[in-house]
Amino acid sequence: YLISAYIYDEQTLRGIIRAVKPEEENQMMSQFAQDIRQRALQEGVQQGRQEGIQEGIRKGLLEGEATLLLNLLSHRFQPLPDEITERIHGANPNAIETWAKRVLDAKSLDEVFSE
């Protein structure tokens, strides 16, 4: 209870327990350690979940942008060579955004992908 209701470091908590119930110090400190481990584990799991969700969102957005760019290019410059599809799927978000802007005015695929 002392751990969840208040924030004490180990030394302070040990002193409180020793003053109140010295015979239970070791047992209570063992519980203290278990509670700390459990809290750390829960925080780690939550952080891992959050990072996984963020990574999934990022990948989903990138995949959607790549698909949209491929659709625009296919509509404008049929048929698309396989290397263009591979290049888009391997690209970073900034490159995809740049190419998507260029597709609006480009007269050829070379203009879209020019450096």
PDB file of N, CA and C in Angstrom:
ATOM      1  N   TYR A   1       0.826  -1.199   0.000  1.00  0.00           N
ATOM      2  CA  TYR A   1       0.000   0.000   0.000  1.00  0.00           C
ATOM      3  C   TYR A   1       0.864   1.255   0.000  1.00  0.00           C
ATOM      4  N   LEU A   2       1.915   1.251   0.801  1.00  0.00           N
ATOM      5  CA  LEU A   2       2.774   2.441   0.884  1.00  0.00           C
ATOM      6  C   LEU A   2       3.380   2.799  -0.464  1.00  0.00           C
ATOM      7  N   ILE A   3       3.627   1.800  -1.266  1.00  0.00           N
ATOM      8  CA  ILE A   3       4.234   2.052  -2.569  1.00  0.00           C
ATOM      9  C   ILE A   3       3.243   2.688  -3.523  1.00  0.00           C
ATOM     10  N   SER A   4       2.021   2.155  -3.568  1.00  0.00           N
ATOM     11  CA  SER A   4       1.054   2.669  -4.529  1.00  0.00           C
ATOM     12  C   SER A   4       0.450   3.996  -4.097  1.00  0.00           C
ATOM     13  N   ALA A   5       0.323   4.229  -2.811  1.00  0.00           N
ATOM     14  CA  ALA A   5      -0.298   5.466  -2.343  1.00  0.00           C
ATOM     15  C   ALA A   5       0.704   6.615  -2.237  1.00  0.00           C
ATOM     16  N   TYR A   6       1.950   6.294  -1.933  1.00  0.00           N
ATOM     17  CA  TYR A   6       2.979   7.315  -1.750  1.00  0.00           C
ATOM     18  C   TYR A   6       4.208   6.928  -2.558  1.00  0.00           C
ATOM     19  N   ILE A   7       5.070   7.868  -2.773  1.00  0.00           N
ATOM     20  CA  ILE A   7       6.319   7.587  -3.471  1.00  0.00           C
ATOM     21  C   ILE A   7       7.448   7.665  -2.458  1.00  0.00           C
ATOM     22  N   TYR A   8       7.969   6.491  -2.094  1.00  0.00           N
ATOM     23  CA  TYR A   8       9.082   6.406  -1.152  1.00  0.00           C
ATOM     24  C   TYR A   8      10.234   5.676  -1.811  1.00  0.00           C
ATOM     25  N   ASP A   9      11.451   6.100  -1.489  1.00  0.00           N
ATOM     26  CA  ASP A   9      12.585   5.307  -1.933  1.00  0.00           C
ATOM     27  C   ASP A   9      12.765   4.144  -0.960  1.00  0.00           C
ATOM     28  N   GLU A  10      13.617   3.205  -1.328  1.00  0.00           N
ATOM     29  CA  GLU A  10      13.761   1.984  -0.531  1.00  0.00           C
ATOM     30  C   GLU A  10      14.223   2.274   0.889  1.00  0.00           C
ATOM     31  N   GLN A  11      15.185   3.155   1.045  1.00  0.00           N
ATOM     32  CA  GLN A  11      15.735   3.439   2.378  1.00  0.00           C
ATOM     33  C   GLN A  11      14.673   4.061   3.293  1.00  0.00           C
ATOM     34  N   THR A  12      13.903   5.001   2.787  1.00  0.00           N
ATOM     35  CA  THR A  12      12.848   5.632   3.582  1.00  0.00           C
ATOM     36  C   THR A  12      11.792   4.605   3.968  1.00  0.00           C
ATOM     37  N   LEU A  13      11.389   3.805   3.009  1.00  0.00           N
ATOM     38  CA  LEU A  13      10.375   2.790   3.275  1.00  0.00           C
ATOM     39  C   LEU A  13      10.875   1.777   4.300  1.00  0.00           C
ATOM     40  N   ARG A  14      12.121   1.351   4.186  1.00  0.00           N
ATOM     41  CA  ARG A  14      12.701   0.401   5.140  1.00  0.00           C
ATOM     42  C   ARG A  14      12.682   0.998   6.552  1.00  0.00           C
ATOM     43  N   GLY A  15      13.006   2.281   6.665  1.00  0.00           N
ATOM     44  CA  GLY A  15      12.986   2.946   7.966  1.00  0.00           C
ATOM     45  C   GLY A  15      11.596   2.997   8.568  1.00  0.00           C
ATOM     46  N   ILE A  16      10.595   3.274   7.740  1.00  0.00           N
ATOM     47  CA  ILE A  16       9.208   3.311   8.213  1.00  0.00           C
ATOM     48  C   ILE A  16       8.781   1.933   8.703  1.00  0.00           C
ATOM     49  N   ILE A  17       9.079   0.916   7.909  1.00  0.00           N
ATOM     50  CA  ILE A  17       8.694  -0.448   8.289  1.00  0.00           C
ATOM     51  C   ILE A  17       9.407  -0.865   9.568  1.00  0.00           C
ATOM     52  N   ARG A  18      10.693  -0.583   9.684  1.00  0.00           N
ATOM     53  CA  ARG A  18      11.472  -0.952  10.865  1.00  0.00           C
ATOM     54  C   ARG A  18      10.902  -0.288  12.108  1.00  0.00           C
ATOM     55  N   ALA A  19      10.439   0.950  11.959  1.00  0.00           N
ATOM     56  CA  ALA A  19       9.893   1.672  13.109  1.00  0.00           C
ATOM     57  C   ALA A  19       8.536   1.110  13.522  1.00  0.00           C
ATOM     58  N   VAL A  20       7.731   0.677  12.574  1.00  0.00           N
ATOM     59  CA  VAL A  20       6.380   0.216  12.869  1.00  0.00           C
ATOM     60  C   VAL A  20       6.331  -1.286  13.162  1.00  0.00           C
ATOM     61  N   LYS A  21       6.915  -2.093  12.302  1.00  0.00           N
ATOM     62  CA  LYS A  21       6.861  -3.560  12.445  1.00  0.00           C
ATOM     63  C   LYS A  21       8.216  -4.149  12.080  1.00  0.00           C
ATOM     64  N   PRO A  22       9.194  -4.040  12.963  1.00  0.00           N
ATOM     65  CA  PRO A  22      10.535  -4.514  12.626  1.00  0.00           C
ATOM     66  C   PRO A  22      10.584  -5.998  12.277  1.00  0.00           C
ATOM     67  N   GLU A  23       9.721  -6.802  12.867  1.00  0.00           N
ATOM     68  CA  GLU A  23       9.744  -8.245  12.611  1.00  0.00           C
ATOM     69  C   GLU A  23       9.281  -8.590  11.193  1.00  0.00           C
ATOM     70  N   GLU A  24       8.599  -7.667  10.522  1.00  0.00           N
ATOM     71  CA  GLU A  24       8.085  -7.921   9.171  1.00  0.00           C
ATOM     72  C   GLU A  24       8.873  -7.180   8.091  1.00  0.00           C
ATOM     73  N   GLU A  25      10.002  -6.596   8.461  1.00  0.00           N
ATOM     74  CA  GLU A  25      10.776  -5.783   7.514  1.00  0.00           C
ATOM     75  C   GLU A  25      11.158  -6.565   6.255  1.00  0.00           C
ATOM     76  N   ASN A  26      11.749  -7.748   6.416  1.00  0.00           N
ATOM     77  CA  ASN A  26      12.196  -8.507   5.243  1.00  0.00           C
ATOM     78  C   ASN A  26      11.038  -8.909   4.342  1.00  0.00           C
ATOM     79  N   GLN A  27       9.952  -9.356   4.932  1.00  0.00           N
ATOM     80  CA  GLN A  27       8.790  -9.757   4.139  1.00  0.00           C
ATOM     81  C   GLN A  27       8.208  -8.553   3.391  1.00  0.00           C
ATOM     82  N   MET A  28       8.094  -7.437   4.071  1.00  0.00           N
ATOM     83  CA  MET A  28       7.518  -6.246   3.440  1.00  0.00           C
ATOM     84  C   MET A  28       8.448  -5.698   2.356  1.00  0.00           C
ATOM     85  N   MET A  29       9.754  -5.772   2.587  1.00  0.00           N
ATOM     86  CA  MET A  29      10.692  -5.296   1.571  1.00  0.00           C
ATOM     87  C   MET A  29      10.665  -6.206   0.348  1.00  0.00           C
ATOM     88  N   SER A  30      10.450  -7.497   0.575  1.00  0.00           N
ATOM     89  CA  SER A  30      10.306  -8.422  -0.542  1.00  0.00           C
ATOM     90  C   SER A  30       9.067  -8.055  -1.357  1.00  0.00           C
ATOM     91  N   GLN A  31       7.980  -7.729  -0.672  1.00  0.00           N
ATOM     92  CA  GLN A  31       6.762  -7.300  -1.355  1.00  0.00           C
ATOM     93  C   GLN A  31       7.003  -5.987  -2.093  1.00  0.00           C
ATOM     94  N   PHE A  32       7.770  -5.099  -1.461  1.00  0.00           N
ATOM     95  CA  PHE A  32       8.131  -3.828  -2.084  1.00  0.00           C
ATOM     96  C   PHE A  32       8.854  -4.094  -3.406  1.00  0.00           C
ATOM     97  N   ALA A  33       9.830  -4.989  -3.397  1.00  0.00           N
ATOM     98  CA  ALA A  33      10.582  -5.308  -4.611  1.00  0.00           C
ATOM     99  C   ALA A  33       9.671  -5.908  -5.677  1.00  0.00           C
ATOM    100  N   GLN A  34       8.766  -6.789  -5.270  1.00  0.00           N
ATOM    101  CA  GLN A  34       7.836  -7.387  -6.226  1.00  0.00           C
ATOM    102  C   GLN A  34       6.916  -6.330  -6.838  1.00  0.00           C
ATOM    103  N   ASP A  35       6.444  -5.424  -6.002  1.00  0.00           N
ATOM    104  CA  ASP A  35       5.570  -4.358  -6.506  1.00  0.00           C
ATOM    105  C   ASP A  35       6.302  -3.467  -7.499  1.00  0.00           C
ATOM    106  N   ILE A  36       7.554  -3.141  -7.191  1.00  0.00           N
ATOM    107  CA  ILE A  36       8.357  -2.310  -8.100  1.00  0.00           C
ATOM    108  C   ILE A  36       8.562  -3.038  -9.428  1.00  0.00           C
ATOM    109  N   ARG A  37       8.908  -4.320  -9.364  1.00  0.00           N
ATOM    110  CA  ARG A  37       9.099  -5.106 -10.590  1.00  0.00           C
ATOM    111  C   ARG A  37       7.814  -5.152 -11.409  1.00  0.00           C
ATOM    112  N   GLN A  38       6.698  -5.375 -10.738  1.00  0.00           N
ATOM    113  CA  GLN A  38       5.417  -5.455 -11.437  1.00  0.00           C
ATOM    114  C   GLN A  38       5.072  -4.127 -12.101  1.00  0.00           C
ATOM    115  N   ARG A  39       5.288  -3.045 -11.385  1.00  0.00           N
ATOM    116  CA  ARG A  39       5.007  -1.723 -11.948  1.00  0.00           C
ATOM    117  C   ARG A  39       5.899  -1.455 -13.157  1.00  0.00           C
ATOM    118  N   ALA A  40       7.179  -1.798 -13.042  1.00  0.00           N
ATOM    119  CA  ALA A  40       8.117  -1.597 -14.155  1.00  0.00           C
ATOM    120  C   ALA A  40       7.717  -2.444 -15.360  1.00  0.00           C
ATOM    121  N   LEU A  41       7.301  -3.677 -15.106  1.00  0.00           N
ATOM    122  CA  LEU A  41       6.865  -4.550 -16.185  1.00  0.00           C
ATOM    123  C   LEU A  41       5.636  -3.978 -16.884  1.00  0.00           C
ATOM    124  N   GLN A  42       4.665  -3.521 -16.107  1.00  0.00           N
ATOM    125  CA  GLN A  42       3.455  -2.946 -16.692  1.00  0.00           C
ATOM    126  C   GLN A  42       3.776  -1.702 -17.514  1.00  0.00           C
ATOM    127  N   GLU A  43       4.659  -0.860 -17.000  1.00  0.00           N
ATOM    128  CA  GLU A  43       5.046   0.340 -17.738  1.00  0.00           C
ATOM    129  C   GLU A  43       5.774  -0.034 -19.021  1.00  0.00           C
ATOM    130  N   GLY A  44       6.633  -1.057 -18.948  1.00  0.00           N
ATOM    131  CA  GLY A  44       7.351  -1.514 -20.136  1.00  0.00           C
ATOM    132  C   GLY A  44       6.416  -2.072 -21.193  1.00  0.00           C
ATOM    133  N   VAL A  45       5.449  -2.860 -20.753  1.00  0.00           N
ATOM    134  CA  VAL A  45       4.470  -3.422 -21.684  1.00  0.00           C
ATOM    135  C   VAL A  45       3.661  -2.300 -22.330  1.00  0.00           C
ATOM    136  N   GLN A  46       3.226  -1.345 -21.538  1.00  0.00           N
ATOM    137  CA  GLN A  46       2.442  -0.228 -22.068  1.00  0.00           C
ATOM    138  C   GLN A  46       3.257   0.585 -23.067  1.00  0.00           C
ATOM    139  N   GLN A  47       4.503   0.848 -22.730  1.00  0.00           N
ATOM    140  CA  GLN A  47       5.362   1.607 -23.641  1.00  0.00           C
ATOM    141  C   GLN A  47       5.584   0.829 -24.935  1.00  0.00           C
ATOM    142  N   GLY A  48       5.805  -0.476 -24.816  1.00  0.00           N
ATOM    143  CA  GLY A  48       5.989  -1.310 -26.003  1.00  0.00           C
ATOM    144  C   GLY A  48       4.762  -1.313 -26.893  1.00  0.00           C
ATOM    145  N   ARG A  49       3.594  -1.402 -26.269  1.00  0.00           N
ATOM    146  CA  ARG A  49       2.344  -1.346 -27.036  1.00  0.00           C
ATOM    147  C   ARG A  49       2.221  -0.026 -27.783  1.00  0.00           C
ATOM    148  N   GLN A  50       2.485   1.055 -27.067  1.00  0.00           N
ATOM    149  CA  GLN A  50       2.356   2.383 -27.665  1.00  0.00           C
ATOM    150  C   GLN A  50       3.315   2.539 -28.843  1.00  0.00           C
ATOM    151  N   GLU A  51       4.559   2.079 -28.655  1.00  0.00           N
ATOM    152  CA  GLU A  51       5.532   2.171 -29.745  1.00  0.00           C
ATOM    153  C   GLU A  51       5.100   1.313 -30.928  1.00  0.00           C
ATOM    154  N   GLY A  52       4.550   0.137 -30.646  1.00  0.00           N
ATOM    155  CA  GLY A  52       4.065  -0.733 -31.713  1.00  0.00           C
ATOM    156  C   GLY A  52       2.914  -0.103 -32.480  1.00  0.00           C
ATOM    157  N   ILE A  53       2.017   0.516 -31.766  1.00  0.00           N
ATOM    158  CA  ILE A  53       0.890   1.198 -32.411  1.00  0.00           C
ATOM    159  C   ILE A  53       1.394   2.324 -33.300  1.00  0.00           C
ATOM    160  N   GLN A  54       2.303   3.130 -32.772  1.00  0.00           N
ATOM    161  CA  GLN A  54       2.842   4.247 -33.553  1.00  0.00           C
ATOM    162  C   GLN A  54       3.561   3.750 -34.808  1.00  0.00           C
ATOM    163  N   GLU A  55       4.338   2.682 -34.670  1.00  0.00           N
ATOM    164  CA  GLU A  55       5.048   2.117 -35.819  1.00  0.00           C
ATOM    165  C   GLU A  55       4.058   1.588 -36.850  1.00  0.00           C
ATOM    166  N   GLY A  56       3.003   0.935 -36.387  1.00  0.00           N
ATOM    167  CA  GLY A  56       1.978   0.437 -37.295  1.00  0.00           C
ATOM    168  C   GLY A  56       1.278   1.562 -38.045  1.00  0.00           C
ATOM    169  N   ILE A  57       0.982   2.626 -37.348  1.00  0.00           N
ATOM    170  CA  ILE A  57       0.350   3.786 -37.989  1.00  0.00           C
ATOM    171  C   ILE A  57       1.278   4.380 -39.034  1.00  0.00           C
ATOM    172  N   ARG A  58       2.556   4.530 -38.669  1.00  0.00           N
ATOM    173  CA  ARG A  58       3.535   5.110 -39.594  1.00  0.00           C
ATOM    174  C   ARG A  58       3.651   4.254 -40.858  1.00  0.00           C
ATOM    175  N   LYS A  59       3.759   2.935 -40.677  1.00  0.00           N
ATOM    176  CA  LYS A  59       3.878   2.045 -41.836  1.00  0.00           C
ATOM    177  C   LYS A  59       2.608   2.060 -42.679  1.00  0.00           C
ATOM    178  N   GLY A  60       1.462   2.104 -42.020  1.00  0.00           N
ATOM    179  CA  GLY A  60       0.201   2.147 -42.751  1.00  0.00           C
ATOM    180  C   GLY A  60       0.061   3.407 -43.592  1.00  0.00           C
ATOM    181  N   LEU A  61       0.456   4.532 -43.023  1.00  0.00           N
ATOM    182  CA  LEU A  61       0.402   5.787 -43.777  1.00  0.00           C
ATOM    183  C   LEU A  61       1.348   5.753 -44.970  1.00  0.00           C
ATOM    184  N   LEU A  62       2.555   5.252 -44.755  1.00  0.00           N
ATOM    185  CA  LEU A  62       3.532   5.171 -45.837  1.00  0.00           C
ATOM    186  C   LEU A  62       3.030   4.254 -46.948  1.00  0.00           C
ATOM    187  N   GLU A  63       2.454   3.129 -46.568  1.00  0.00           N
ATOM    188  CA  GLU A  63       1.914   2.205 -47.565  1.00  0.00           C
ATOM    189  C   GLU A  63       0.768   2.849 -48.349  1.00  0.00           C
ATOM    190  N   GLY A  64      -0.078   3.591 -47.647  1.00  0.00           N
ATOM    191  CA  GLY A  64      -1.182   4.277 -48.319  1.00  0.00           C
ATOM    192  C   GLY A  64      -0.697   5.342 -49.285  1.00  0.00           C
ATOM    193  N   GLU A  65       0.325   6.089 -48.877  1.00  0.00           N
ATOM    194  CA  GLU A  65       0.886   7.116 -49.761  1.00  0.00           C
ATOM    195  C   GLU A  65       1.524   6.479 -50.987  1.00  0.00           C
ATOM    196  N   ALA A  66       2.230   5.376 -50.792  1.00  0.00           N
ATOM    197  CA  ALA A  66       2.861   4.678 -51.915  1.00  0.00           C
ATOM    198  C   ALA A  66       1.801   4.155 -52.884  1.00  0.00           C
ATOM    199  N   THR A  67       0.730   3.598 -52.348  1.00  0.00           N
ATOM    200  CA  THR A  67      -0.348   3.079 -53.190  1.00  0.00           C
ATOM    201  C   THR A  67      -1.008   4.199 -53.983  1.00  0.00           C
ATOM    202  N   LEU A  68      -1.244   5.322 -53.335  1.00  0.00           N
ATOM    203  CA  LEU A  68      -1.847   6.458 -54.036  1.00  0.00           C
ATOM    204  C   LEU A  68      -0.937   6.948 -55.157  1.00  0.00           C
ATOM    205  N   LEU A  69       0.350   7.072 -54.872  1.00  0.00           N
ATOM    206  CA  LEU A  69       1.296   7.512 -55.903  1.00  0.00           C
ATOM    207  C   LEU A  69       1.316   6.525 -57.066  1.00  0.00           C
ATOM    208  N   LEU A  70       1.340   5.245 -56.776  1.00  0.00           N
ATOM    209  CA  LEU A  70       1.320   4.243 -57.848  1.00  0.00           C
ATOM    210  C   LEU A  70       0.050   4.347 -58.689  1.00  0.00           C
ATOM    211  N   ASN A  71      -1.073   4.586 -58.047  1.00  0.00           N
ATOM    212  CA  ASN A  71      -2.332   4.750 -58.790  1.00  0.00           C
ATOM    213  C   ASN A  71      -2.287   5.971 -59.698  1.00  0.00           C
ATOM    214  N   LEU A  72      -1.766   7.070 -59.180  1.00  0.00           N
ATOM    215  CA  LEU A  72      -1.658   8.284 -59.999  1.00  0.00           C
ATOM    216  C   LEU A  72      -0.725   8.070 -61.185  1.00  0.00           C
ATOM    217  N   LEU A  73       0.421   7.462 -60.913  1.00  0.00           N
ATOM    218  CA  LEU A  73       1.388   7.208 -61.984  1.00  0.00           C
ATOM    219  C   LEU A  73       0.826   6.239 -63.016  1.00  0.00           C
ATOM    220  N   SER A  74       0.139   5.206 -62.567  1.00  0.00           N
ATOM    221  CA  SER A  74      -0.454   4.232 -63.489  1.00  0.00           C
ATOM    222  C   SER A  74      -1.507   4.884 -64.372  1.00  0.00           C
ATOM    223  N   HIS A  75      -2.269   5.754 -63.790  1.00  0.00           N
ATOM    224  CA  HIS A  75      -3.303   6.448 -64.551  1.00  0.00           C
ATOM    225  C   HIS A  75      -2.682   7.360 -65.613  1.00  0.00           C
ATOM    226  N   ARG A  76      -1.591   7.974 -65.263  1.00  0.00           N
ATOM    227  CA  ARG A  76      -0.968   8.976 -66.135  1.00  0.00           C
ATOM    228  C   ARG A  76       0.018   8.380 -67.126  1.00  0.00           C
ATOM    229  N   PHE A  77       0.792   7.384 -66.701  1.00  0.00           N
ATOM    230  CA  PHE A  77       1.900   6.870 -67.516  1.00  0.00           C
ATOM    231  C   PHE A  77       1.843   5.347 -67.651  1.00  0.00           C
ATOM    232  N   GLN A  78       0.749   4.808 -68.127  1.00  0.00           N
ATOM    233  CA  GLN A  78       0.624   3.355 -68.257  1.00  0.00           C
ATOM    234  C   GLN A  78       1.545   2.837 -69.337  1.00  0.00           C
ATOM    235  N   PRO A  79       2.013   1.649 -69.227  1.00  0.00           N
ATOM    236  CA  PRO A  79       2.139   0.817 -68.031  1.00  0.00           C
ATOM    237  C   PRO A  79       3.376   1.233 -67.235  1.00  0.00           C
ATOM    238  N   LEU A  80       3.368   0.961 -65.948  1.00  0.00           N
ATOM    239  CA  LEU A  80       4.519   1.303 -65.102  1.00  0.00           C
ATOM    240  C   LEU A  80       5.537   0.169 -65.120  1.00  0.00           C
ATOM    241  N   PRO A  81       6.800   0.513 -65.311  1.00  0.00           N
ATOM    242  CA  PRO A  81       7.839  -0.523 -65.212  1.00  0.00           C
ATOM    243  C   PRO A  81       7.927  -1.048 -63.771  1.00  0.00           C
ATOM    244  N   ASP A  82       8.301  -2.308 -63.632  1.00  0.00           N
ATOM    245  CA  ASP A  82       8.419  -2.923 -62.303  1.00  0.00           C
ATOM    246  C   ASP A  82       9.402  -2.182 -61.411  1.00  0.00           C
ATOM    247  N   GLU A  83      10.481  -1.661 -61.991  1.00  0.00           N
ATOM    248  CA  GLU A  83      11.476  -0.966 -61.160  1.00  0.00           C
ATOM    249  C   GLU A  83      10.905   0.302 -60.520  1.00  0.00           C
ATOM    250  N   ILE A  84       9.934   0.926 -61.149  1.00  0.00           N
ATOM    251  CA  ILE A  84       9.283   2.106 -60.557  1.00  0.00           C
ATOM    252  C   ILE A  84       8.469   1.675 -59.333  1.00  0.00           C
ATOM    253  N   THR A  85       7.721   0.600 -59.478  1.00  0.00           N
ATOM    254  CA  THR A  85       6.934   0.085 -58.351  1.00  0.00           C
ATOM    255  C   THR A  85       7.848  -0.279 -57.189  1.00  0.00           C
ATOM    256  N   GLU A  86       8.937  -0.970 -57.471  1.00  0.00           N
ATOM    257  CA  GLU A  86       9.893  -1.350 -56.425  1.00  0.00           C
ATOM    258  C   GLU A  86      10.522  -0.117 -55.780  1.00  0.00           C
ATOM    259  N   ARG A  87      10.855   0.863 -56.600  1.00  0.00           N
ATOM    260  CA  ARG A  87      11.468   2.094 -56.072  1.00  0.00           C
ATOM    261  C   ARG A  87      10.515   2.800 -55.114  1.00  0.00           C
ATOM    262  N   ILE A  88       9.266   2.876 -55.478  1.00  0.00           N
ATOM    263  CA  ILE A  88       8.277   3.548 -54.626  1.00  0.00           C
ATOM    264  C   ILE A  88       8.082   2.781 -53.322  1.00  0.00           C
ATOM    265  N   HIS A  89       7.986   1.466 -53.406  1.00  0.00           N
ATOM    266  CA  HIS A  89       7.786   0.673 -52.185  1.00  0.00           C
ATOM    267  C   HIS A  89       8.992   0.721 -51.257  1.00  0.00           C
ATOM    268  N   GLY A  90      10.166   1.027 -51.781  1.00  0.00           N
ATOM    269  CA  GLY A  90      11.361   1.118 -50.946  1.00  0.00           C
ATOM    270  C   GLY A  90      11.707   2.528 -50.515  1.00  0.00           C
ATOM    271  N   ALA A  91      10.876   3.490 -50.893  1.00  0.00           N
ATOM    272  CA  ALA A  91      11.196   4.905 -50.651  1.00  0.00           C
ATOM    273  C   ALA A  91      10.768   5.369 -49.269  1.00  0.00           C
ATOM    274  N   ASN A  92      11.377   6.460 -48.842  1.00  0.00           N
ATOM    275  CA  ASN A  92      11.000   7.089 -47.573  1.00  0.00           C
ATOM    276  C   ASN A  92       9.847   8.068 -47.817  1.00  0.00           C
ATOM    277  N   PRO A  93       9.178   8.496 -46.764  1.00  0.00           N
ATOM    278  CA  PRO A  93       8.010   9.379 -46.917  1.00  0.00           C
ATOM    279  C   PRO A  93       8.314  10.689 -47.648  1.00  0.00           C
ATOM    280  N   ASN A  94       9.490  11.259 -47.434  1.00  0.00           N
ATOM    281  CA  ASN A  94       9.824  12.524 -48.102  1.00  0.00           C
ATOM    282  C   ASN A  94       9.921  12.351 -49.610  1.00  0.00           C
ATOM    283  N   ALA A  95      10.532  11.261 -50.048  1.00  0.00           N
ATOM    284  CA  ALA A  95      10.650  11.009 -51.486  1.00  0.00           C
ATOM    285  C   ALA A  95       9.268  10.809 -52.102  1.00  0.00           C
ATOM    286  N   ILE A  96       8.427  10.040 -51.432  1.00  0.00           N
ATOM    287  CA  ILE A  96       7.078   9.801 -51.956  1.00  0.00           C
ATOM    288  C   ILE A  96       6.309  11.113 -52.072  1.00  0.00           C
ATOM    289  N   GLU A  97       6.440  11.963 -51.079  1.00  0.00           N
ATOM    290  CA  GLU A  97       5.753  13.264 -51.132  1.00  0.00           C
ATOM    291  C   GLU A  97       6.267  14.112 -52.295  1.00  0.00           C
ATOM    292  N   THR A  98       7.570  14.126 -52.481  1.00  0.00           N
ATOM    293  CA  THR A  98       8.161  14.894 -53.584  1.00  0.00           C
ATOM    294  C   THR A  98       7.651  14.380 -54.925  1.00  0.00           C
ATOM    295  N   TRP A  99       7.679  13.067 -55.125  1.00  0.00           N
ATOM    296  CA  TRP A  99       7.222  12.489 -56.383  1.00  0.00           C
ATOM    297  C   TRP A  99       5.731  12.733 -56.601  1.00  0.00           C
ATOM    298  N   ALA A 100       4.949  12.676 -55.540  1.00  0.00           N
ATOM    299  CA  ALA A 100       3.505  12.898 -55.669  1.00  0.00           C
ATOM    300  C   ALA A 100       3.215  14.321 -56.144  1.00  0.00           C
ATOM    301  N   LYS A 101       3.999  15.278 -55.673  1.00  0.00           N
ATOM    302  CA  LYS A 101       3.817  16.660 -56.131  1.00  0.00           C
ATOM    303  C   LYS A 101       4.220  16.804 -57.591  1.00  0.00           C
ATOM    304  N   ARG A 102       5.290  16.132 -57.968  1.00  0.00           N
ATOM    305  CA  ARG A 102       5.777  16.238 -59.347  1.00  0.00           C
ATOM    306  C   ARG A 102       4.839  15.586 -60.357  1.00  0.00           C
ATOM    307  N   VAL A 103       4.130  14.544 -59.948  1.00  0.00           N
ATOM    308  CA  VAL A 103       3.279  13.821 -60.888  1.00  0.00           C
ATOM    309  C   VAL A 103       2.191  14.733 -61.460  1.00  0.00           C
ATOM    310  N   LEU A 104       1.860  15.778 -60.757  1.00  0.00           N
ATOM    311  CA  LEU A 104       0.805  16.685 -61.222  1.00  0.00           C
ATOM    312  C   LEU A 104       1.181  17.418 -62.504  1.00  0.00           C
ATOM    313  N   ASP A 105       2.456  17.774 -62.645  1.00  0.00           N
ATOM    314  CA  ASP A 105       2.892  18.566 -63.796  1.00  0.00           C
ATOM    315  C   ASP A 105       3.830  17.826 -64.741  1.00  0.00           C
ATOM    316  N   ALA A 106       4.300  16.669 -64.351  1.00  0.00           N
ATOM    317  CA  ALA A 106       5.311  15.960 -65.141  1.00  0.00           C
ATOM    318  C   ALA A 106       4.745  15.482 -66.473  1.00  0.00           C
ATOM    319  N   LYS A 107       5.595  15.551 -67.483  1.00  0.00           N
ATOM    320  CA  LYS A 107       5.214  15.074 -68.817  1.00  0.00           C
ATOM    321  C   LYS A 107       5.689  13.632 -69.041  1.00  0.00           C
ATOM    322  N   SER A 108       6.571  13.168 -68.135  1.00  0.00           N
ATOM    323  CA  SER A 108       7.099  11.806 -68.267  1.00  0.00           C
ATOM    324  C   SER A 108       7.465  11.268 -66.882  1.00  0.00           C
ATOM    325  N   LEU A 109       7.690   9.967 -66.829  1.00  0.00           N
ATOM    326  CA  LEU A 109       8.147   9.350 -65.579  1.00  0.00           C
ATOM    327  C   LEU A 109       9.509   9.897 -65.166  1.00  0.00           C
ATOM    328  N   ASP A 110      10.358  10.172 -66.152  1.00  0.00           N
ATOM    329  CA  ASP A 110      11.683  10.721 -65.831  1.00  0.00           C
ATOM    330  C   ASP A 110      11.568  12.044 -65.088  1.00  0.00           C
ATOM    331  N   GLU A 111      10.604  12.868 -65.455  1.00  0.00           N
ATOM    332  CA  GLU A 111      10.415  14.152 -64.759  1.00  0.00           C
ATOM    333  C   GLU A 111       9.958  13.934 -63.314  1.00  0.00           C
ATOM    334  N   VAL A 112       9.160  12.928 -63.084  1.00  0.00           N
ATOM    335  CA  VAL A 112       8.689  12.644 -61.728  1.00  0.00           C
ATOM    336  C   VAL A 112       9.856  12.246 -60.832  1.00  0.00           C
ATOM    337  N   PHE A 113      10.753  11.421 -61.358  1.00  0.00           N
ATOM    338  CA  PHE A 113      11.818  10.846 -60.538  1.00  0.00           C
ATOM    339  C   PHE A 113      13.173  11.516 -60.721  1.00  0.00           C
ATOM    340  N   SER A 114      13.223  12.638 -61.410  1.00  0.00           N
ATOM    341  CA  SER A 114      14.512  13.325 -61.595  1.00  0.00           C
ATOM    342  C   SER A 114      15.027  13.828 -60.254  1.00  0.00           C
ATOM    343  N   GLU A 115      16.323  13.785 -60.100  1.00  0.00           N
ATOM    344  CA  GLU A 115      16.942  14.213 -58.834  1.00  0.00           C
ATOM    345  C   GLU A 115      17.109  15.673 -58.852  1.00  0.00           C
TER     346      GLU A 115
END
